[in-house]
Amino acid sequence: MPLICMEPGQEIPPHGGHSVGIFYVKEGKGVFTLDNKKIDMEKDMIIIAPEGSSRGMKCLERMVVLAISVG
């Protein structure tokens, strides 16, 4: 279970996921890209990315995100 820590302006470009991704925003704000759809990220939010979907994120305010891969 990786803990993703990002500073404002940092990003993980959209990429294909080979498993279900569960992302829990522990702190901060950002924008999550899920198959070309933009989702605002904020504290205590959970985002589920289906297997095979494209996913990425951009940090707007110092972020800590717990990432879990299933499958």
PDB file of N, CA and C in Angstrom:
ATOM      1  N   MET A   1       0.849  -1.187   0.000  1.00  0.00           N
ATOM      2  CA  MET A   1       0.000   0.000   0.000  1.00  0.00           C
ATOM      3  C   MET A   1       0.885   1.238   0.000  1.00  0.00           C
ATOM      4  N   PRO A   2       1.117   1.829  -1.155  1.00  0.00           N
ATOM      5  CA  PRO A   2       1.933   3.034  -1.195  1.00  0.00           C
ATOM      6  C   PRO A   2       1.222   4.235  -0.586  1.00  0.00           C
ATOM      7  N   LEU A   3       2.005   5.078   0.050  1.00  0.00           N
ATOM      8  CA  LEU A   3       1.531   6.359   0.542  1.00  0.00           C
ATOM      9  C   LEU A   3       2.097   7.397  -0.424  1.00  0.00           C
ATOM     10  N   ILE A   4       1.237   8.105  -1.126  1.00  0.00           N
ATOM     11  CA  ILE A   4       1.664   9.088  -2.124  1.00  0.00           C
ATOM     12  C   ILE A   4       1.663  10.457  -1.462  1.00  0.00           C
ATOM     13  N   CYS A   5       2.825  11.107  -1.453  1.00  0.00           N
ATOM     14  CA  CYS A   5       2.959  12.446  -0.877  1.00  0.00           C
ATOM     15  C   CYS A   5       3.378  13.388  -1.996  1.00  0.00           C
ATOM     16  N   MET A   6       2.598  14.449  -2.197  1.00  0.00           N
ATOM     17  CA  MET A   6       2.847  15.353  -3.322  1.00  0.00           C
ATOM     18  C   MET A   6       2.777  16.805  -2.871  1.00  0.00           C
ATOM     19  N   GLU A   7       3.595  17.638  -3.515  1.00  0.00           N
ATOM     20  CA  GLU A   7       3.589  19.081  -3.287  1.00  0.00           C
ATOM     21  C   GLU A   7       2.801  19.749  -4.421  1.00  0.00           C
ATOM     22  N   PRO A   8       2.291  20.969  -4.191  1.00  0.00           N
ATOM     23  CA  PRO A   8       1.534  21.667  -5.230  1.00  0.00           C
ATOM     24  C   PRO A   8       2.298  21.712  -6.557  1.00  0.00           C
ATOM     25  N   GLY A   9       1.588  21.396  -7.640  1.00  0.00           N
ATOM     26  CA  GLY A   9       2.162  21.400  -8.975  1.00  0.00           C
ATOM     27  C   GLY A   9       2.683  20.047  -9.422  1.00  0.00           C
ATOM     28  N   GLN A  10       2.966  19.147  -8.476  1.00  0.00           N
ATOM     29  CA  GLN A  10       3.417  17.813  -8.859  1.00  0.00           C
ATOM     30  C   GLN A  10       2.241  17.015  -9.384  1.00  0.00           C
ATOM     31  N   GLU A  11       2.533  16.087 -10.287  1.00  0.00           N
ATOM     32  CA  GLU A  11       1.455  15.262 -10.810  1.00  0.00           C
ATOM     33  C   GLU A  11       1.950  13.878 -11.207  1.00  0.00           C
ATOM     34  N   ILE A  12       1.017  12.972 -11.253  1.00  0.00           N
ATOM     35  CA  ILE A  12       1.231  11.632 -11.797  1.00  0.00           C
ATOM     36  C   ILE A  12       0.393  11.612 -13.072  1.00  0.00           C
ATOM     37  N   PRO A  13       1.032  11.582 -14.247  1.00  0.00           N
ATOM     38  CA  PRO A  13       0.270  11.616 -15.497  1.00  0.00           C
ATOM     39  C   PRO A  13      -0.669  10.421 -15.616  1.00  0.00           C
ATOM     40  N   PRO A  14      -1.797  10.599 -16.295  1.00  0.00           N
ATOM     41  CA  PRO A  14      -2.718   9.475 -16.496  1.00  0.00           C
ATOM     42  C   PRO A  14      -2.004   8.288 -17.129  1.00  0.00           C
ATOM     43  N   HIS A  15      -2.293   7.120 -16.597  1.00  0.00           N
ATOM     44  CA  HIS A  15      -1.692   5.872 -17.072  1.00  0.00           C
ATOM     45  C   HIS A  15      -2.698   4.750 -16.867  1.00  0.00           C
ATOM     46  N   GLY A  16      -2.514   3.657 -17.578  1.00  0.00           N
ATOM     47  CA  GLY A  16      -3.422   2.516 -17.465  1.00  0.00           C
ATOM     48  C   GLY A  16      -3.229   1.770 -16.161  1.00  0.00           C
ATOM     49  N   GLY A  17      -4.330   1.324 -15.594  1.00  0.00           N
ATOM     50  CA  GLY A  17      -4.277   0.544 -14.363  1.00  0.00           C
ATOM     51  C   GLY A  17      -4.599  -0.910 -14.647  1.00  0.00           C
ATOM     52  N   HIS A  18      -3.761  -1.800 -14.148  1.00  0.00           N
ATOM     53  CA  HIS A  18      -3.950  -3.232 -14.403  1.00  0.00           C
ATOM     54  C   HIS A  18      -4.773  -3.909 -13.312  1.00  0.00           C
ATOM     55  N   SER A  19      -5.212  -3.108 -12.320  1.00  0.00           N
ATOM     56  CA  SER A  19      -6.038  -3.640 -11.238  1.00  0.00           C
ATOM     57  C   SER A  19      -6.980  -2.528 -10.780  1.00  0.00           C
ATOM     58  N   VAL A  20      -7.888  -2.860  -9.882  1.00  0.00           N
ATOM     59  CA  VAL A  20      -8.759  -1.846  -9.287  1.00  0.00           C
ATOM     60  C   VAL A  20      -7.883  -0.990  -8.373  1.00  0.00           C
ATOM     61  N   GLY A  21      -7.998   0.324  -8.483  1.00  0.00           N
ATOM     62  CA  GLY A  21      -7.242   1.239  -7.617  1.00  0.00           C
ATOM     63  C   GLY A  21      -8.180   1.952  -6.671  1.00  0.00           C
ATOM     64  N   ILE A  22      -7.831   1.938  -5.393  1.00  0.00           N
ATOM     65  CA  ILE A  22      -8.615   2.651  -4.382  1.00  0.00           C
ATOM     66  C   ILE A  22      -7.694   3.714  -3.804  1.00  0.00           C
ATOM     67  N   PHE A  23      -8.141   4.963  -3.837  1.00  0.00           N
ATOM     68  CA  PHE A  23      -7.323   6.090  -3.410  1.00  0.00           C
ATOM     69  C   PHE A  23      -8.049   6.840  -2.291  1.00  0.00           C
ATOM     70  N   TYR A  24      -7.420   6.889  -1.108  1.00  0.00           N
ATOM     71  CA  TYR A  24      -7.994   7.592   0.043  1.00  0.00           C
ATOM     72  C   TYR A  24      -7.175   8.858   0.279  1.00  0.00           C
ATOM     73  N   VAL A  25      -7.825  10.015   0.193  1.00  0.00           N
ATOM     74  CA  VAL A  25      -7.145  11.296   0.390  1.00  0.00           C
ATOM     75  C   VAL A  25      -7.080  11.574   1.888  1.00  0.00           C
ATOM     76  N   LYS A  26      -5.889  11.416   2.442  1.00  0.00           N
ATOM     77  CA  LYS A  26      -5.683  11.617   3.875  1.00  0.00           C
ATOM     78  C   LYS A  26      -5.609  13.107   4.213  1.00  0.00           C
ATOM     79  N   GLU A  27      -4.987  13.884   3.296  1.00  0.00           N
ATOM     80  CA  GLU A  27      -4.966  15.332   3.473  1.00  0.00           C
ATOM     81  C   GLU A  27      -4.664  16.013   2.148  1.00  0.00           C
ATOM     82  N   GLY A  28      -5.050  17.289   2.056  1.00  0.00           N
ATOM     83  CA  GLY A  28      -4.744  18.088   0.882  1.00  0.00           C
ATOM     84  C   GLY A  28      -5.853  18.137  -0.156  1.00  0.00           C
ATOM     85  N   LYS A  29      -5.506  18.742  -1.302  1.00  0.00           N
ATOM     86  CA  LYS A  29      -6.458  18.906  -2.403  1.00  0.00           C
ATOM     87  C   LYS A  29      -5.745  18.680  -3.728  1.00  0.00           C
ATOM     88  N   GLY A  30      -6.492  18.183  -4.691  1.00  0.00           N
ATOM     89  CA  GLY A  30      -5.936  17.956  -6.005  1.00  0.00           C
ATOM     90  C   GLY A  30      -7.036  17.647  -7.000  1.00  0.00           C
ATOM     91  N   VAL A  31      -6.607  17.208  -8.173  1.00  0.00           N
ATOM     92  CA  VAL A  31      -7.547  16.816  -9.225  1.00  0.00           C
ATOM     93  C   VAL A  31      -7.152  15.421  -9.690  1.00  0.00           C
ATOM     94  N   PHE A  32      -8.113  14.506  -9.673  1.00  0.00           N
ATOM     95  CA  PHE A  32      -7.903  13.131 -10.115  1.00  0.00           C
ATOM     96  C   PHE A  32      -8.474  13.009 -11.517  1.00  0.00           C
ATOM     97  N   THR A  33      -7.733  12.383 -12.416  1.00  0.00           N
ATOM     98  CA  THR A  33      -8.216  12.140 -13.773  1.00  0.00           C
ATOM     99  C   THR A  33      -8.545  10.660 -13.895  1.00  0.00           C
ATOM    100  N   LEU A  34      -9.790  10.364 -14.218  1.00  0.00           N
ATOM    101  CA  LEU A  34     -10.253   8.988 -14.385  1.00  0.00           C
ATOM    102  C   LEU A  34     -10.895   8.888 -15.766  1.00  0.00           C
ATOM    103  N   ASP A  35     -10.184   8.228 -16.707  1.00  0.00           N
ATOM    104  CA  ASP A  35     -10.694   8.095 -18.083  1.00  0.00           C
ATOM    105  C   ASP A  35     -11.195   9.430 -18.640  1.00  0.00           C
ATOM    106  N   ASN A  36     -10.351  10.451 -18.603  1.00  0.00           N
ATOM    107  CA  ASN A  36     -10.645  11.786 -19.141  1.00  0.00           C
ATOM    108  C   ASN A  36     -11.668  12.585 -18.334  1.00  0.00           C
ATOM    109  N   LYS A  37     -12.140  12.059 -17.209  1.00  0.00           N
ATOM    110  CA  LYS A  37     -13.061  12.791 -16.336  1.00  0.00           C
ATOM    111  C   LYS A  37     -12.239  13.373 -15.187  1.00  0.00           C
ATOM    112  N   LYS A  38     -12.440  14.655 -14.880  1.00  0.00           N
ATOM    113  CA  LYS A  38     -11.732  15.332 -13.791  1.00  0.00           C
ATOM    114  C   LYS A  38     -12.583  15.259 -12.520  1.00  0.00           C
ATOM    115  N   ILE A  39     -11.958  14.847 -11.421  1.00  0.00           N
ATOM    116  CA  ILE A  39     -12.644  14.729 -10.136  1.00  0.00           C
ATOM    117  C   ILE A  39     -11.845  15.526  -9.107  1.00  0.00           C
ATOM    118  N   ASP A  40     -12.497  16.482  -8.432  1.00  0.00           N
ATOM    119  CA  ASP A  40     -11.817  17.236  -7.387  1.00  0.00           C
ATOM    120  C   ASP A  40     -11.540  16.313  -6.203  1.00  0.00           C
ATOM    121  N   MET A  41     -10.298  16.366  -5.712  1.00  0.00           N
ATOM    122  CA  MET A  41      -9.897  15.537  -4.572  1.00  0.00           C
ATOM    123  C   MET A  41      -9.824  16.420  -3.336  1.00  0.00           C
ATOM    124  N   GLU A  42     -10.330  15.916  -2.220  1.00  0.00           N
ATOM    125  CA  GLU A  42     -10.213  16.639  -0.960  1.00  0.00           C
ATOM    126  C   GLU A  42     -10.154  15.640   0.188  1.00  0.00           C
ATOM    127  N   LYS A  43      -9.774  16.120   1.359  1.00  0.00           N
ATOM    128  CA  LYS A  43      -9.572  15.284   2.533  1.00  0.00           C
ATOM    129  C   LYS A  43     -10.751  14.354   2.798  1.00  0.00           C
ATOM    130  N   ASP A  44     -10.417  13.114   3.151  1.00  0.00           N
ATOM    131  CA  ASP A  44     -11.370  12.054   3.516  1.00  0.00           C
ATOM    132  C   ASP A  44     -12.180  11.506   2.337  1.00  0.00           C
ATOM    133  N   MET A  45     -11.792  11.854   1.130  1.00  0.00           N
ATOM    134  CA  MET A  45     -12.484  11.355  -0.060  1.00  0.00           C
ATOM    135  C   MET A  45     -11.877  10.017  -0.481  1.00  0.00           C
ATOM    136  N   ILE A  46     -12.710   9.142  -1.019  1.00  0.00           N
ATOM    137  CA  ILE A  46     -12.244   7.865  -1.575  1.00  0.00           C
ATOM    138  C   ILE A  46     -12.634   7.833  -3.048  1.00  0.00           C
ATOM    139  N   ILE A  47     -11.655   7.508  -3.891  1.00  0.00           N
ATOM    140  CA  ILE A  47     -11.898   7.385  -5.326  1.00  0.00           C
ATOM    141  C   ILE A  47     -11.554   5.956  -5.728  1.00  0.00           C
ATOM    142  N   ILE A  48     -12.456   5.312  -6.462  1.00  0.00           N
ATOM    143  CA  ILE A  48     -12.225   3.944  -6.930  1.00  0.00           C
ATOM    144  C   ILE A  48     -12.076   3.982  -8.451  1.00  0.00           C
ATOM    145  N   ALA A  49     -10.928   3.499  -8.921  1.00  0.00           N
ATOM    146  CA  ALA A  49     -10.650   3.444 -10.361  1.00  0.00           C
ATOM    147  C   ALA A  49     -10.768   1.985 -10.805  1.00  0.00           C
ATOM    148  N   PRO A  50     -11.711   1.668 -11.677  1.00  0.00           N
ATOM    149  CA  PRO A  50     -11.907   0.290 -12.126  1.00  0.00           C
ATOM    150  C   PRO A  50     -10.670  -0.266 -12.857  1.00  0.00           C
ATOM    151  N   GLU A  51     -10.550  -1.574 -12.840  1.00  0.00           N
ATOM    152  CA  GLU A  51      -9.472  -2.251 -13.565  1.00  0.00           C
ATOM    153  C   GLU A  51      -9.499  -1.826 -15.023  1.00  0.00           C
ATOM    154  N   GLY A  52      -8.331  -1.506 -15.582  1.00  0.00           N
ATOM    155  CA  GLY A  52      -8.225  -1.117 -16.982  1.00  0.00           C
ATOM    156  C   GLY A  52      -8.461   0.361 -17.249  1.00  0.00           C
ATOM    157  N   SER A  53      -8.893   1.104 -16.232  1.00  0.00           N
ATOM    158  CA  SER A  53      -9.148   2.528 -16.445  1.00  0.00           C
ATOM    159  C   SER A  53      -7.836   3.310 -16.416  1.00  0.00           C
ATOM    160  N   SER A  54      -7.861   4.463 -17.056  1.00  0.00           N
ATOM    161  CA  SER A  54      -6.738   5.386 -17.013  1.00  0.00           C
ATOM    162  C   SER A  54      -6.912   6.261 -15.783  1.00  0.00           C
ATOM    163  N   ARG A  55      -5.801   6.465 -15.038  1.00  0.00           N
ATOM    164  CA  ARG A  55      -5.899   7.276 -13.830  1.00  0.00           C
ATOM    165  C   ARG A  55      -4.626   8.072 -13.616  1.00  0.00           C
ATOM    166  N   GLY A  56      -4.779   9.247 -13.037  1.00  0.00           N
ATOM    167  CA  GLY A  56      -3.660  10.119 -12.724  1.00  0.00           C
ATOM    168  C   GLY A  56      -4.128  11.170 -11.737  1.00  0.00           C
ATOM    169  N   MET A  57      -3.202  11.960 -11.195  1.00  0.00           N
ATOM    170  CA  MET A  57      -3.592  13.000 -10.246  1.00  0.00           C
ATOM    171  C   MET A  57      -2.619  14.164 -10.287  1.00  0.00           C
ATOM    172  N   LYS A  58      -3.151  15.344  -9.964  1.00  0.00           N
ATOM    173  CA  LYS A  58      -2.345  16.553  -9.882  1.00  0.00           C
ATOM    174  C   LYS A  58      -2.614  17.203  -8.532  1.00  0.00           C
ATOM    175  N   CYS A  59      -1.552  17.591  -7.852  1.00  0.00           N
ATOM    176  CA  CYS A  59      -1.660  18.194  -6.523  1.00  0.00           C
ATOM    177  C   CYS A  59      -1.884  19.699  -6.625  1.00  0.00           C
ATOM    178  N   LEU A  60      -2.866  20.202  -5.859  1.00  0.00           N
ATOM    179  CA  LEU A  60      -3.127  21.634  -5.772  1.00  0.00           C
ATOM    180  C   LEU A  60      -2.698  22.187  -4.423  1.00  0.00           C
ATOM    181  N   GLU A  61      -2.823  21.357  -3.380  1.00  0.00           N
ATOM    182  CA  GLU A  61      -2.453  21.719  -2.003  1.00  0.00           C
ATOM    183  C   GLU A  61      -1.806  20.474  -1.418  1.00  0.00           C
ATOM    184  N   ARG A  62      -0.682  20.615  -0.737  1.00  0.00           N
ATOM    185  CA  ARG A  62       0.076  19.444  -0.248  1.00  0.00           C
ATOM    186  C   ARG A  62      -0.849  18.274   0.063  1.00  0.00           C
ATOM    187  N   MET A  63      -0.613  17.138  -0.608  1.00  0.00           N
ATOM    188  CA  MET A  63      -1.506  15.977  -0.526  1.00  0.00           C
ATOM    189  C   MET A  63      -0.799  14.750   0.005  1.00  0.00           C
ATOM    190  N   VAL A  64      -1.554  13.979   0.770  1.00  0.00           N
ATOM    191  CA  VAL A  64      -1.136  12.647   1.184  1.00  0.00           C
ATOM    192  C   VAL A  64      -2.287  11.718   0.813  1.00  0.00           C
ATOM    193  N   VAL A  65      -1.984  10.717  -0.026  1.00  0.00           N
ATOM    194  CA  VAL A  65      -3.014   9.805  -0.544  1.00  0.00           C
ATOM    195  C   VAL A  65      -2.536   8.378  -0.324  1.00  0.00           C
ATOM    196  N   LEU A  66      -3.400   7.552   0.261  1.00  0.00           N
ATOM    197  CA  LEU A  66      -3.122   6.128   0.415  1.00  0.00           C
ATOM    198  C   LEU A  66      -3.680   5.413  -0.819  1.00  0.00           C
ATOM    199  N   ALA A  67      -2.835   4.650  -1.494  1.00  0.00           N
ATOM    200  CA  ALA A  67      -3.249   3.940  -2.710  1.00  0.00           C
ATOM    201  C   ALA A  67      -3.262   2.441  -2.449  1.00  0.00           C
ATOM    202  N   ILE A  68      -4.350   1.781  -2.825  1.00  0.00           N
ATOM    203  CA  ILE A  68      -4.491   0.348  -2.642  1.00  0.00           C
ATOM    204  C   ILE A  68      -4.856  -0.267  -3.989  1.00  0.00           C
ATOM    205  N   SER A  69      -4.116  -1.300  -4.383  1.00  0.00           N
ATOM    206  CA  SER A  69      -4.429  -2.037  -5.615  1.00  0.00           C
ATOM    207  C   SER A  69      -5.091  -3.358  -5.243  1.00  0.00           C
ATOM    208  N   VAL A  70      -6.176  -3.666  -5.923  1.00  0.00           N
ATOM    209  CA  VAL A  70      -6.903  -4.905  -5.653  1.00  0.00           C
ATOM    210  C   VAL A  70      -7.008  -5.693  -6.947  1.00  0.00           C
ATOM    211  N   GLY A  71      -6.533  -6.935  -6.907  1.00  0.00           N
ATOM    212  CA  GLY A  71      -6.685  -7.803  -8.072  1.00  0.00           C
ATOM    213  C   GLY A  71      -5.463  -8.021  -8.874  1.00  0.00           C
TER     214      GLY A  71
END
